[in-house]
Amino acid sequence: MRTRAKICGITRIQDIQSVVDAGADAIGFVFFPPSPRSVTPEQAKELIRHVPAYVQTVGLFVNASADDIIQILKQAPVDILQFHGDETPQQCQQIAAQAGRRWYRAIQVKPEMDVTAVIRQFQQAGASAVLLDAWHPELKGGTGYSFDWSAFPKLDIPLILAGGLKPENIEDAIKTTNAYAVDVSGGVESAKGIKDQQLIEQFMQGVQRGSAKC
């Protein structure tokens, strides 16, 4: 199975074209103002206009209310919700139902965490996937750190690998984890929120090589 890839934290139209040309499956928009990669609903609306068919759009939210998310979706109708805060399985389920969207939850893998048990909770609540990211005491994603890939579980739900991915290590990351998909942001940037076309191309080439060896 080919490993899917999402490029997250898109802020510019030209970066969408680079992502699409390189063959990524999904584009992520960050709706979390503290993030340097955050976009407003108005900005996201304009960016989404340039995303072609068969490329999915994902909205990243951190502890946002259902009302806030629904208001954002009225302007920026992303395909999938990515919950990246402290949302419980029940909160994710309820918000997604009100918003009429599929969803998945990002989990920061902490030391001594029973990752499988946490994944199962979100799976039972209806998650379309679960994203495993590196843990950081203050940051919510985009940390540039990775966790122990050898501990990556193999379960009957699509698992997305994130955290510290870049062109130099993506092939090994996929080979080690056999993840359903990978999610990168800072690893393909020249500056925060500014994607680098060459790095995106190199990253996607690594995804293809890693997929071929799984």
Foldseek 3Di string as FASTA:
>chain_A
DFAAEEEELAQDLVVLVLLVVLPHQEYEAECDVVAPSHDALQSLLVNVVNHDPRRFYEYEDEPDALVVVLVSCVRHVGAEYEYQYPDFLQRVLVSCVSNVHAYEYEDADDPPDPVVVRQVRNVVSRHQEYEYEHDDPPDRDPPLAADPLLPQDDDPHQYEYEYNDWLVCLLVSCLRNVGNYYYYYVRQAPDHSHGDSVRSNSNSVSSRNSRVND
